[in-house]
C-alpha atoms as a PDB file:
ATOM      1  CA  UNK A   1       0.000   0.000   0.000  1.00  0.00           C
ATOM      2  CA  UNK A   2       1.106   3.580  -0.562  1.00  0.00           C
ATOM      3  CA  UNK A   3       1.885   5.974   2.261  1.00  0.00           C
ATOM      4  CA  UNK A   4      -1.459   7.769   1.942  1.00  0.00           C
ATOM      5  CA  UNK A   5      -3.313   4.480   2.333  1.00  0.00           C
ATOM      6  CA  UNK A   6      -1.259   3.472   5.366  1.00  0.00           C
ATOM      7  CA  UNK A   7      -1.783   6.898   6.916  1.00  0.00           C
ATOM      8  CA  UNK A   8      -5.531   6.629   6.424  1.00  0.00           C
ATOM      9  CA  UNK A   9      -5.781   3.079   7.765  1.00  0.00           C
ATOM     10  CA  UNK A  10      -3.505   3.630  10.759  1.00  0.00           C
ATOM     11  CA  UNK A  11      -4.402   7.210  11.637  1.00  0.00           C
ATOM     12  CA  UNK A  12      -0.680   8.035  11.680  1.00  0.00           C
ATOM     13  CA  UNK A  13       0.200  11.106   9.580  1.00  0.00           C
ATOM     14  CA  UNK A  14       2.306  10.551   6.461  1.00  0.00           C
ATOM     15  CA  UNK A  15       4.975  12.880   7.855  1.00  0.00           C
ATOM     16  CA  UNK A  16       5.311  10.611  10.880  1.00  0.00           C
ATOM     17  CA  UNK A  17       5.490   7.535   8.671  1.00  0.00           C
ATOM     18  CA  UNK A  18       8.323   9.137   6.693  1.00  0.00           C
ATOM     19  CA  UNK A  19      10.116   9.958   9.935  1.00  0.00           C
ATOM     20  CA  UNK A  20       9.670   6.402  11.225  1.00  0.00           C
ATOM     21  CA  UNK A  21      11.240   5.150   8.004  1.00  0.00           C
ATOM     22  CA  UNK A  22      14.168   7.547   8.349  1.00  0.00           C
ATOM     23  CA  UNK A  23      14.984   6.334  11.878  1.00  0.00           C
ATOM     24  CA  UNK A  24      14.648   2.650  11.011  1.00  0.00           C
ATOM     25  CA  UNK A  25      11.277   1.895  12.620  1.00  0.00           C
ATOM     26  CA  UNK A  26       9.184   1.296   9.519  1.00  0.00           C
ATOM     27  CA  UNK A  27      10.752  -0.179   6.398  1.00  0.00           C
ATOM     28  CA  UNK A  28       9.330   0.754   3.013  1.00  0.00           C
ATOM     29  CA  UNK A  29      10.054  -0.416  -0.480  1.00  0.00           C
ATOM     30  CA  UNK A  30       9.760   1.813  -3.529  1.00  0.00           C
ATOM     31  CA  UNK A  31       7.673   1.241  -6.625  1.00  0.00           C
ATOM     32  CA  UNK A  32       8.929   1.971 -10.145  1.00  0.00           C
ATOM     33  CA  UNK A  33       7.955   5.629  -9.789  1.00  0.00           C
ATOM     34  CA  UNK A  34       9.763   6.035  -6.456  1.00  0.00           C
ATOM     35  CA  UNK A  35       6.673   6.073  -4.229  1.00  0.00           C
ATOM     36  CA  UNK A  36       6.885   4.309  -0.892  1.00  0.00           C
ATOM     37  CA  UNK A  37       5.197   0.923  -0.731  1.00  0.00           C
ATOM     38  CA  UNK A  38       4.374  -0.685   2.614  1.00  0.00           C
ATOM     39  CA  UNK A  39       3.486  -4.300   3.291  1.00  0.00           C
ATOM     40  CA  UNK A  40       0.461  -5.310   5.336  1.00  0.00           C
ATOM     41  CA  UNK A  41       2.886  -5.962   8.216  1.00  0.00           C
ATOM     42  CA  UNK A  42       3.335  -2.193   8.516  1.00  0.00           C
ATOM     43  CA  UNK A  43      -0.058  -1.917  10.226  1.00  0.00           C
ATOM     44  CA  UNK A  44       0.961  -4.399  12.936  1.00  0.00           C
ATOM     45  CA  UNK A  45       4.333  -2.706  13.276  1.00  0.00           C
ATOM     46  CA  UNK A  46       2.667   0.710  13.694  1.00  0.00           C
ATOM     47  CA  UNK A  47       0.341  -0.691  16.355  1.00  0.00           C
ATOM     48  CA  UNK A  48       3.387  -1.919  18.283  1.00  0.00           C
ATOM     49  CA  UNK A  49       5.138   1.438  17.902  1.00  0.00           C
ATOM     50  CA  UNK A  50       2.054   3.336  19.086  1.00  0.00           C
ATOM     51  CA  UNK A  51       1.561   1.070  22.103  1.00  0.00           C
ATOM     52  CA  UNK A  52       5.234   1.302  23.030  1.00  0.00           C
ATOM     53  CA  UNK A  53       5.121   5.098  22.770  1.00  0.00           C
ATOM     54  CA  UNK A  54       2.103   5.123  25.110  1.00  0.00           C
ATOM     55  CA  UNK A  55       4.231   3.227  27.622  1.00  0.00           C
ATOM     56  CA  UNK A  56       6.838   5.966  27.344  1.00  0.00           C
ATOM     57  CA  UNK A  57       9.516   4.045  25.464  1.00  0.00           C
ATOM     58  CA  UNK A  58      11.913   6.172  23.432  1.00  0.00           C
ATOM     59  CA  UNK A  59      11.957   5.541  19.680  1.00  0.00           C
ATOM     60  CA  UNK A  60      15.495   4.162  19.743  1.00  0.00           C
ATOM     61  CA  UNK A  61      14.443   1.490  22.211  1.00  0.00           C
ATOM     62  CA  UNK A  62      11.300   0.733  20.213  1.00  0.00           C
ATOM     63  CA  UNK A  63      13.511   0.239  17.163  1.00  0.00           C
ATOM     64  CA  UNK A  64      15.632  -2.241  19.103  1.00  0.00           C
ATOM     65  CA  UNK A  65      12.555  -4.154  20.244  1.00  0.00           C
ATOM     66  CA  UNK A  66      11.171  -4.306  16.708  1.00  0.00           C
ATOM     67  CA  UNK A  67      14.075  -6.556  15.787  1.00  0.00           C
ATOM     68  CA  UNK A  68      12.035  -9.299  17.471  1.00  0.00           C
ATOM     69  CA  UNK A  69       9.307  -8.799  14.849  1.00  0.00           C
ATOM     70  CA  UNK A  70      11.818  -9.461  12.110  1.00  0.00           C
ATOM     71  CA  UNK A  71      12.515 -12.955  10.840  1.00  0.00           C
ATOM     72  CA  UNK A  72      15.912 -13.447  12.431  1.00  0.00           C
ATOM     73  CA  UNK A  73      17.248 -12.234  15.752  1.00  0.00           C
ATOM     74  CA  UNK A  74      21.000 -12.791  15.948  1.00  0.00           C
ATOM     75  CA  UNK A  75      21.950 -14.883  19.014  1.00  0.00           C
ATOM     76  CA  UNK A  76      24.088 -12.117  20.576  1.00  0.00           C
ATOM     77  CA  UNK A  77      21.028  -9.830  20.680  1.00  0.00           C
ATOM     78  CA  UNK A  78      18.629 -12.367  22.198  1.00  0.00           C
ATOM     79  CA  UNK A  79      19.749 -12.046  25.836  1.00  0.00           C
ATOM     80  CA  UNK A  80      19.532  -8.267  25.900  1.00  0.00           C
ATOM     81  CA  UNK A  81      16.256  -8.179  24.019  1.00  0.00           C
ATOM     82  CA  UNK A  82      14.746 -10.806  26.285  1.00  0.00           C
ATOM     83  CA  UNK A  83      15.681  -8.709  29.312  1.00  0.00           C
ATOM     84  CA  UNK A  84      14.215  -5.565  27.742  1.00  0.00           C
ATOM     85  CA  UNK A  85      11.011  -7.332  26.772  1.00  0.00           C
ATOM     86  CA  UNK A  86      10.586  -8.834  30.235  1.00  0.00           C
ATOM     87  CA  UNK A  87      11.076  -5.416  31.832  1.00  0.00           C
ATOM     88  CA  UNK A  88       8.559  -3.754  29.531  1.00  0.00           C
ATOM     89  CA  UNK A  89       6.098  -6.574  30.001  1.00  0.00           C
ATOM     90  CA  UNK A  90       6.243  -6.004  33.752  1.00  0.00           C
ATOM     91  CA  UNK A  91       5.736  -2.261  33.255  1.00  0.00           C
ATOM     92  CA  UNK A  92       2.787  -2.867  30.940  1.00  0.00           C
ATOM     93  CA  UNK A  93       1.175  -5.290  33.387  1.00  0.00           C
ATOM     94  CA  UNK A  94       1.578  -2.727  36.183  1.00  0.00           C
ATOM     95  CA  UNK A  95      -0.018  -0.074  33.965  1.00  0.00           C
ATOM     96  CA  UNK A  96      -2.947  -2.415  33.292  1.00  0.00           C
ATOM     97  CA  UNK A  97      -3.476  -2.914  37.029  1.00  0.00           C
ATOM     98  CA  UNK A  98      -3.318   0.840  37.620  1.00  0.00           C
ATOM     99  CA  UNK A  99      -5.795   1.531  34.818  1.00  0.00           C
ATOM    100  CA  UNK A 100      -8.114  -1.177  36.119  1.00  0.00           C
ATOM    101  CA  UNK A 101      -8.079   0.432  39.576  1.00  0.00           C
ATOM    102  CA  UNK A 102      -8.752   3.846  38.048  1.00  0.00           C
ATOM    103  CA  UNK A 103     -11.573   2.443  35.899  1.00  0.00           C
ATOM    104  CA  UNK A 104     -13.141   0.919  38.999  1.00  0.00           C
ATOM    105  CA  UNK A 105     -12.944   4.321  40.724  1.00  0.00           C
ATOM    106  CA  UNK A 106     -14.685   5.984  37.793  1.00  0.00           C
ATOM    107  CA  UNK A 107     -17.438   3.375  37.840  1.00  0.00           C
ATOM    108  CA  UNK A 108     -17.917   3.963  41.567  1.00  0.00           C
ATOM    109  CA  UNK A 109     -18.134   7.724  41.021  1.00  0.00           C
ATOM    110  CA  UNK A 110     -20.744   7.225  38.279  1.00  0.00           C
ATOM    111  CA  UNK A 111     -22.822   5.008  40.574  1.00  0.00           C
ATOM    112  CA  UNK A 112     -22.714   7.714  43.258  1.00  0.00           C
ATOM    113  CA  UNK A 113     -23.953  10.282  40.762  1.00  0.00           C
ATOM    114  CA  UNK A 114     -26.749   7.986  39.632  1.00  0.00           C
ATOM    115  CA  UNK A 115     -27.993   7.133  43.128  1.00  0.00           C
ATOM    116  CA  UNK A 116     -30.505   9.454  44.827  1.00  0.00           C
END
Protein backbone atom coordinates (compact mmCIF):
# COMPACT_ATOMS: atom_id res chain seq x y z
CA UNK A 1 0.00 0.00 0.00
CA UNK A 2 1.11 3.58 -0.56
CA UNK A 3 1.88 5.97 2.26
CA UNK A 4 -1.46 7.77 1.94
CA UNK A 5 -3.31 4.48 2.33
CA UNK A 6 -1.26 3.47 5.37
CA UNK A 7 -1.78 6.90 6.92
CA UNK A 8 -5.53 6.63 6.42
CA UNK A 9 -5.78 3.08 7.76
CA UNK A 10 -3.51 3.63 10.76
CA UNK A 11 -4.40 7.21 11.64
CA UNK A 12 -0.68 8.04 11.68
CA UNK A 13 0.20 11.11 9.58
CA UNK A 14 2.31 10.55 6.46
CA UNK A 15 4.97 12.88 7.86
CA UNK A 16 5.31 10.61 10.88
CA UNK A 17 5.49 7.54 8.67
CA UNK A 18 8.32 9.14 6.69
CA UNK A 19 10.12 9.96 9.94
CA UNK A 20 9.67 6.40 11.23
CA UNK A 21 11.24 5.15 8.00
CA UNK A 22 14.17 7.55 8.35
CA UNK A 23 14.98 6.33 11.88
CA UNK A 24 14.65 2.65 11.01
CA UNK A 25 11.28 1.90 12.62
CA UNK A 26 9.18 1.30 9.52
CA UNK A 27 10.75 -0.18 6.40
CA UNK A 28 9.33 0.75 3.01
CA UNK A 29 10.05 -0.42 -0.48
CA UNK A 30 9.76 1.81 -3.53
CA UNK A 31 7.67 1.24 -6.63
CA UNK A 32 8.93 1.97 -10.15
CA UNK A 33 7.95 5.63 -9.79
CA UNK A 34 9.76 6.03 -6.46
CA UNK A 35 6.67 6.07 -4.23
CA UNK A 36 6.89 4.31 -0.89
CA UNK A 37 5.20 0.92 -0.73
CA UNK A 38 4.37 -0.69 2.61
CA UNK A 39 3.49 -4.30 3.29
CA UNK A 40 0.46 -5.31 5.34
CA UNK A 41 2.89 -5.96 8.22
CA UNK A 42 3.33 -2.19 8.52
CA UNK A 43 -0.06 -1.92 10.23
CA UNK A 44 0.96 -4.40 12.94
CA UNK A 45 4.33 -2.71 13.28
CA UNK A 46 2.67 0.71 13.69
CA UNK A 47 0.34 -0.69 16.36
CA UNK A 48 3.39 -1.92 18.28
CA UNK A 49 5.14 1.44 17.90
CA UNK A 50 2.05 3.34 19.09
CA UNK A 51 1.56 1.07 22.10
CA UNK A 52 5.23 1.30 23.03
CA UNK A 53 5.12 5.10 22.77
CA UNK A 54 2.10 5.12 25.11
CA UNK A 55 4.23 3.23 27.62
CA UNK A 56 6.84 5.97 27.34
CA UNK A 57 9.52 4.05 25.46
CA UNK A 58 11.91 6.17 23.43
CA UNK A 59 11.96 5.54 19.68
CA UNK A 60 15.50 4.16 19.74
CA UNK A 61 14.44 1.49 22.21
CA UNK A 62 11.30 0.73 20.21
CA UNK A 63 13.51 0.24 17.16
CA UNK A 64 15.63 -2.24 19.10
CA UNK A 65 12.55 -4.15 20.24
CA UNK A 66 11.17 -4.31 16.71
CA UNK A 67 14.08 -6.56 15.79
CA UNK A 68 12.04 -9.30 17.47
CA UNK A 69 9.31 -8.80 14.85
CA UNK A 70 11.82 -9.46 12.11
CA UNK A 71 12.52 -12.95 10.84
CA UNK A 72 15.91 -13.45 12.43
CA UNK A 73 17.25 -12.23 15.75
CA UNK A 74 21.00 -12.79 15.95
CA UNK A 75 21.95 -14.88 19.01
CA UNK A 76 24.09 -12.12 20.58
CA UNK A 77 21.03 -9.83 20.68
CA UNK A 78 18.63 -12.37 22.20
CA UNK A 79 19.75 -12.05 25.84
CA UNK A 80 19.53 -8.27 25.90
CA UNK A 81 16.26 -8.18 24.02
CA UNK A 82 14.75 -10.81 26.29
CA UNK A 83 15.68 -8.71 29.31
CA UNK A 84 14.22 -5.56 27.74
CA UNK A 85 11.01 -7.33 26.77
CA UNK A 86 10.59 -8.83 30.23
CA UNK A 87 11.08 -5.42 31.83
CA UNK A 88 8.56 -3.75 29.53
CA UNK A 89 6.10 -6.57 30.00
CA UNK A 90 6.24 -6.00 33.75
CA UNK A 91 5.74 -2.26 33.25
CA UNK A 92 2.79 -2.87 30.94
CA UNK A 93 1.18 -5.29 33.39
CA UNK A 94 1.58 -2.73 36.18
CA UNK A 95 -0.02 -0.07 33.96
CA UNK A 96 -2.95 -2.42 33.29
CA UNK A 97 -3.48 -2.91 37.03
CA UNK A 98 -3.32 0.84 37.62
CA UNK A 99 -5.79 1.53 34.82
CA UNK A 100 -8.11 -1.18 36.12
CA UNK A 101 -8.08 0.43 39.58
CA UNK A 102 -8.75 3.85 38.05
CA UNK A 103 -11.57 2.44 35.90
CA UNK A 104 -13.14 0.92 39.00
CA UNK A 105 -12.94 4.32 40.72
CA UNK A 106 -14.68 5.98 37.79
CA UNK A 107 -17.44 3.38 37.84
CA UNK A 108 -17.92 3.96 41.57
CA UNK A 109 -18.13 7.72 41.02
CA UNK A 110 -20.74 7.23 38.28
CA UNK A 111 -22.82 5.01 40.57
CA UNK A 112 -22.71 7.71 43.26
CA UNK A 113 -23.95 10.28 40.76
CA UNK A 114 -26.75 7.99 39.63
CA UNK A 115 -27.99 7.13 43.13
CA UNK A 116 -30.51 9.45 44.83
